[in-house]
Amino acid sequence: MDPTLTLCLLLAFIVFDIIAFINHRVVRNKIITKVELRTHTDFVVYEVAKMLGGGGHEKASGASIEGLFTATDLIKSLQNYFA
């Protein structure tokens, strides 16, 4: 597999009104996951990005995570945030 190959996944979380862009890449033989979060509502995606080790703005934030982080992992993170 080409190490520069990028797998992109676009998810729309209807319940939370969040758009999440999850991008996986291989950098120096390690998987790096970049998560970008967007919203047009009053929900503050910055808090979720901060929980993942990232940052940004209230309506547009993101995080870079070493290792494989999937849409299922993001959903679990959102569930934990609201628990």
N, C-alpha and C. Protein backbone atom coordinates (compact mmCIF):
# COMPACT_ATOMS: atom_id res chain seq x y z
N MET A 1 0.84 -1.18 0.00
CA MET A 1 0.00 0.00 0.00
C MET A 1 0.88 1.24 0.00
N ASP A 2 0.49 2.21 -0.78
CA ASP A 2 1.20 3.48 -0.85
C ASP A 2 1.05 4.21 0.50
N PRO A 3 2.17 4.56 1.19
CA PRO A 3 2.07 5.21 2.49
C PRO A 3 1.43 6.59 2.45
N THR A 4 1.31 7.16 1.27
CA THR A 4 0.66 8.48 1.18
C THR A 4 -0.84 8.36 0.93
N LEU A 5 -1.31 7.12 0.82
CA LEU A 5 -2.73 6.90 0.58
C LEU A 5 -3.54 7.47 1.74
N THR A 6 -4.55 8.20 1.42
CA THR A 6 -5.40 8.82 2.44
C THR A 6 -6.81 8.27 2.33
N LEU A 7 -7.32 7.84 3.45
CA LEU A 7 -8.70 7.37 3.50
C LEU A 7 -9.54 8.44 4.16
N CYS A 8 -10.53 8.92 3.47
CA CYS A 8 -11.37 10.00 3.99
C CYS A 8 -12.78 9.48 4.22
N LEU A 9 -13.36 9.94 5.29
CA LEU A 9 -14.71 9.55 5.62
C LEU A 9 -15.47 10.78 6.10
N LEU A 10 -16.60 11.02 5.50
CA LEU A 10 -17.41 12.17 5.88
C LEU A 10 -18.66 11.65 6.57
N LEU A 11 -18.87 12.12 7.78
CA LEU A 11 -20.02 11.68 8.55
C LEU A 11 -20.88 12.85 8.94
N ALA A 12 -22.17 12.69 8.88
CA ALA A 12 -23.08 13.72 9.38
C ALA A 12 -23.83 13.15 10.56
N PHE A 13 -23.62 13.73 11.72
CA PHE A 13 -24.31 13.30 12.92
C PHE A 13 -25.57 14.14 13.05
N ILE A 14 -26.68 13.61 12.60
CA ILE A 14 -27.93 14.35 12.56
C ILE A 14 -28.36 14.77 13.96
N VAL A 15 -28.23 13.88 14.92
CA VAL A 15 -28.69 14.16 16.29
C VAL A 15 -27.96 15.37 16.87
N PHE A 16 -26.66 15.46 16.61
CA PHE A 16 -25.86 16.54 17.19
C PHE A 16 -25.65 17.70 16.23
N ASP A 17 -26.07 17.57 14.98
CA ASP A 17 -25.81 18.58 13.95
C ASP A 17 -24.32 18.88 13.83
N ILE A 18 -23.52 17.82 13.76
CA ILE A 18 -22.07 17.94 13.62
C ILE A 18 -21.66 17.27 12.32
N ILE A 19 -20.77 17.93 11.59
CA ILE A 19 -20.11 17.30 10.45
C ILE A 19 -18.71 16.94 10.91
N ALA A 20 -18.33 15.70 10.70
CA ALA A 20 -17.00 15.23 11.08
C ALA A 20 -16.28 14.71 9.85
N PHE A 21 -15.09 15.19 9.64
CA PHE A 21 -14.22 14.71 8.56
C PHE A 21 -13.08 13.96 9.23
N ILE A 22 -12.97 12.66 8.95
CA ILE A 22 -11.93 11.82 9.56
C ILE A 22 -10.99 11.37 8.46
N ASN A 23 -9.71 11.69 8.62
CA ASN A 23 -8.70 11.44 7.60
C ASN A 23 -7.59 10.60 8.24
N HIS A 24 -7.31 9.42 7.65
CA HIS A 24 -6.22 8.56 8.13
C HIS A 24 -5.06 8.61 7.15
N ARG A 25 -3.85 8.78 7.68
CA ARG A 25 -2.64 8.73 6.84
C ARG A 25 -1.55 7.95 7.57
N VAL A 26 -0.61 7.48 6.80
CA VAL A 26 0.57 6.83 7.36
C VAL A 26 1.73 7.81 7.23
N VAL A 27 2.32 8.15 8.38
CA VAL A 27 3.46 9.06 8.43
C VAL A 27 4.56 8.37 9.22
N ARG A 28 5.69 8.15 8.57
CA ARG A 28 6.82 7.47 9.22
C ARG A 28 6.39 6.16 9.87
N ASN A 29 5.65 5.37 9.11
CA ASN A 29 5.16 4.06 9.54
C ASN A 29 4.20 4.11 10.72
N LYS A 30 3.58 5.24 10.98
CA LYS A 30 2.58 5.36 12.03
C LYS A 30 1.29 5.91 11.42
N ILE A 31 0.18 5.40 11.90
CA ILE A 31 -1.11 5.92 11.45
C ILE A 31 -1.42 7.18 12.25
N ILE A 32 -1.75 8.23 11.53
CA ILE A 32 -2.17 9.50 12.13
C ILE A 32 -3.61 9.75 11.66
N THR A 33 -4.47 10.03 12.62
CA THR A 33 -5.87 10.35 12.30
C THR A 33 -6.10 11.82 12.56
N LYS A 34 -6.63 12.50 11.56
CA LYS A 34 -7.00 13.90 11.72
C LYS A 34 -8.52 13.97 11.74
N VAL A 35 -9.06 14.59 12.79
CA VAL A 35 -10.50 14.73 12.94
C VAL A 35 -10.84 16.21 12.86
N GLU A 36 -11.72 16.57 11.94
CA GLU A 36 -12.19 17.96 11.82
C GLU A 36 -13.67 17.97 12.13
N LEU A 37 -14.09 18.91 12.96
CA LEU A 37 -15.48 19.01 13.38
C LEU A 37 -16.05 20.37 13.00
N ARG A 38 -17.28 20.38 12.51
CA ARG A 38 -17.95 21.61 12.13
C ARG A 38 -19.40 21.55 12.61
N THR A 39 -19.98 22.71 12.90
CA THR A 39 -21.39 22.79 13.23
C THR A 39 -21.93 24.17 12.86
N HIS A 40 -23.22 24.25 12.68
CA HIS A 40 -23.89 25.53 12.42
C HIS A 40 -24.86 25.83 13.54
N THR A 41 -24.86 25.00 14.59
CA THR A 41 -25.80 25.16 15.70
C THR A 41 -25.11 25.81 16.90
N ASP A 42 -25.79 25.80 18.02
CA ASP A 42 -25.21 26.33 19.26
C ASP A 42 -24.26 25.35 19.93
N PHE A 43 -24.18 24.11 19.42
CA PHE A 43 -23.27 23.12 19.99
C PHE A 43 -21.83 23.59 19.78
N VAL A 44 -21.00 23.48 20.81
CA VAL A 44 -19.60 23.94 20.76
C VAL A 44 -18.70 22.74 20.48
N VAL A 45 -18.30 22.58 19.20
CA VAL A 45 -17.45 21.44 18.84
C VAL A 45 -16.04 21.57 19.41
N TYR A 46 -15.64 22.78 19.79
CA TYR A 46 -14.33 22.98 20.40
C TYR A 46 -14.14 22.09 21.63
N GLU A 47 -15.18 21.92 22.42
CA GLU A 47 -15.08 21.11 23.64
C GLU A 47 -14.79 19.65 23.31
N VAL A 48 -15.38 19.14 22.25
CA VAL A 48 -15.12 17.76 21.83
C VAL A 48 -13.69 17.65 21.30
N ALA A 49 -13.26 18.60 20.48
CA ALA A 49 -11.89 18.59 19.94
C ALA A 49 -10.88 18.66 21.09
N LYS A 50 -11.16 19.48 22.08
CA LYS A 50 -10.28 19.61 23.24
C LYS A 50 -10.18 18.29 23.98
N MET A 51 -11.29 17.59 24.12
CA MET A 51 -11.31 16.28 24.77
C MET A 51 -10.43 15.27 24.01
N LEU A 52 -10.30 15.47 22.69
CA LEU A 52 -9.50 14.59 21.85
C LEU A 52 -8.04 15.05 21.75
N GLY A 53 -7.71 16.13 22.45
CA GLY A 53 -6.33 16.63 22.42
C GLY A 53 -6.10 17.72 21.40
N GLY A 54 -7.16 18.25 20.84
CA GLY A 54 -7.04 19.28 19.82
C GLY A 54 -7.54 20.62 20.30
N GLY A 55 -8.04 21.41 19.36
CA GLY A 55 -8.51 22.73 19.70
C GLY A 55 -9.19 23.37 18.51
N GLY A 56 -9.30 24.68 18.57
CA GLY A 56 -9.91 25.40 17.46
C GLY A 56 -10.87 26.46 17.92
N HIS A 57 -11.98 26.56 17.21
CA HIS A 57 -13.00 27.57 17.48
C HIS A 57 -14.29 26.88 17.87
N GLU A 58 -15.24 27.64 18.36
CA GLU A 58 -16.51 27.07 18.82
C GLU A 58 -17.21 26.25 17.75
N LYS A 59 -17.21 26.73 16.52
CA LYS A 59 -17.98 26.08 15.45
C LYS A 59 -17.12 25.29 14.46
N ALA A 60 -15.79 25.39 14.58
CA ALA A 60 -14.88 24.67 13.69
C ALA A 60 -13.61 24.32 14.47
N SER A 61 -13.42 23.04 14.72
CA SER A 61 -12.29 22.59 15.53
C SER A 61 -11.80 21.26 15.01
N GLY A 62 -10.67 20.80 15.57
CA GLY A 62 -10.14 19.52 15.16
C GLY A 62 -9.05 19.02 16.07
N ALA A 63 -8.59 17.81 15.77
CA ALA A 63 -7.53 17.18 16.55
C ALA A 63 -6.76 16.21 15.66
N SER A 64 -5.47 16.05 15.96
CA SER A 64 -4.65 15.01 15.33
C SER A 64 -4.38 13.96 16.39
N ILE A 65 -4.65 12.72 16.05
CA ILE A 65 -4.55 11.62 17.00
C ILE A 65 -3.61 10.57 16.43
N GLU A 66 -2.64 10.15 17.23
CA GLU A 66 -1.73 9.10 16.78
C GLU A 66 -2.45 7.76 16.92
N GLY A 67 -2.50 7.01 15.85
CA GLY A 67 -3.19 5.73 15.84
C GLY A 67 -4.50 5.82 15.07
N LEU A 68 -5.15 4.69 14.97
CA LEU A 68 -6.39 4.60 14.23
C LEU A 68 -7.55 5.05 15.12
N PHE A 69 -8.25 6.08 14.71
CA PHE A 69 -9.41 6.62 15.41
C PHE A 69 -10.54 6.61 14.40
N THR A 70 -11.59 5.88 14.69
CA THR A 70 -12.66 5.66 13.71
C THR A 70 -13.91 6.47 14.04
N ALA A 71 -14.87 6.39 13.15
CA ALA A 71 -16.16 7.05 13.38
C ALA A 71 -16.82 6.48 14.62
N THR A 72 -16.68 5.18 14.85
CA THR A 72 -17.22 4.55 16.06
C THR A 72 -16.57 5.14 17.30
N ASP A 73 -15.26 5.37 17.26
CA ASP A 73 -14.56 6.00 18.38
C ASP A 73 -15.08 7.41 18.62
N LEU A 74 -15.35 8.14 17.56
CA LEU A 74 -15.86 9.50 17.70
C LEU A 74 -17.25 9.49 18.33
N ILE A 75 -18.09 8.57 17.89
CA ILE A 75 -19.42 8.46 18.46
C ILE A 75 -19.34 8.13 19.95
N LYS A 76 -18.44 7.22 20.33
CA LYS A 76 -18.25 6.90 21.75
C LYS A 76 -17.77 8.12 22.52
N SER A 77 -16.89 8.91 21.93
CA SER A 77 -16.39 10.13 22.58
C SER A 77 -17.54 11.12 22.80
N LEU A 78 -18.42 11.23 21.80
CA LEU A 78 -19.58 12.12 21.95
C LEU A 78 -20.54 11.61 23.02
N GLN A 79 -20.73 10.30 23.08
CA GLN A 79 -21.59 9.73 24.11
C GLN A 79 -21.00 9.99 25.50
N ASN A 80 -19.68 9.85 25.64
CA ASN A 80 -19.03 10.12 26.92
C ASN A 80 -19.14 11.60 27.28
N TYR A 81 -19.04 12.46 26.29
CA TYR A 81 -19.15 13.89 26.52
C TYR A 81 -20.51 14.24 27.09
N PHE A 82 -21.56 13.59 26.56
CA PHE A 82 -22.92 13.90 26.99
C PHE A 82 -23.36 13.08 28.20
N ALA A 83 -22.55 12.13 28.65
CA ALA A 83 -22.92 11.28 29.80
C ALA A 83 -22.89 12.04 31.12
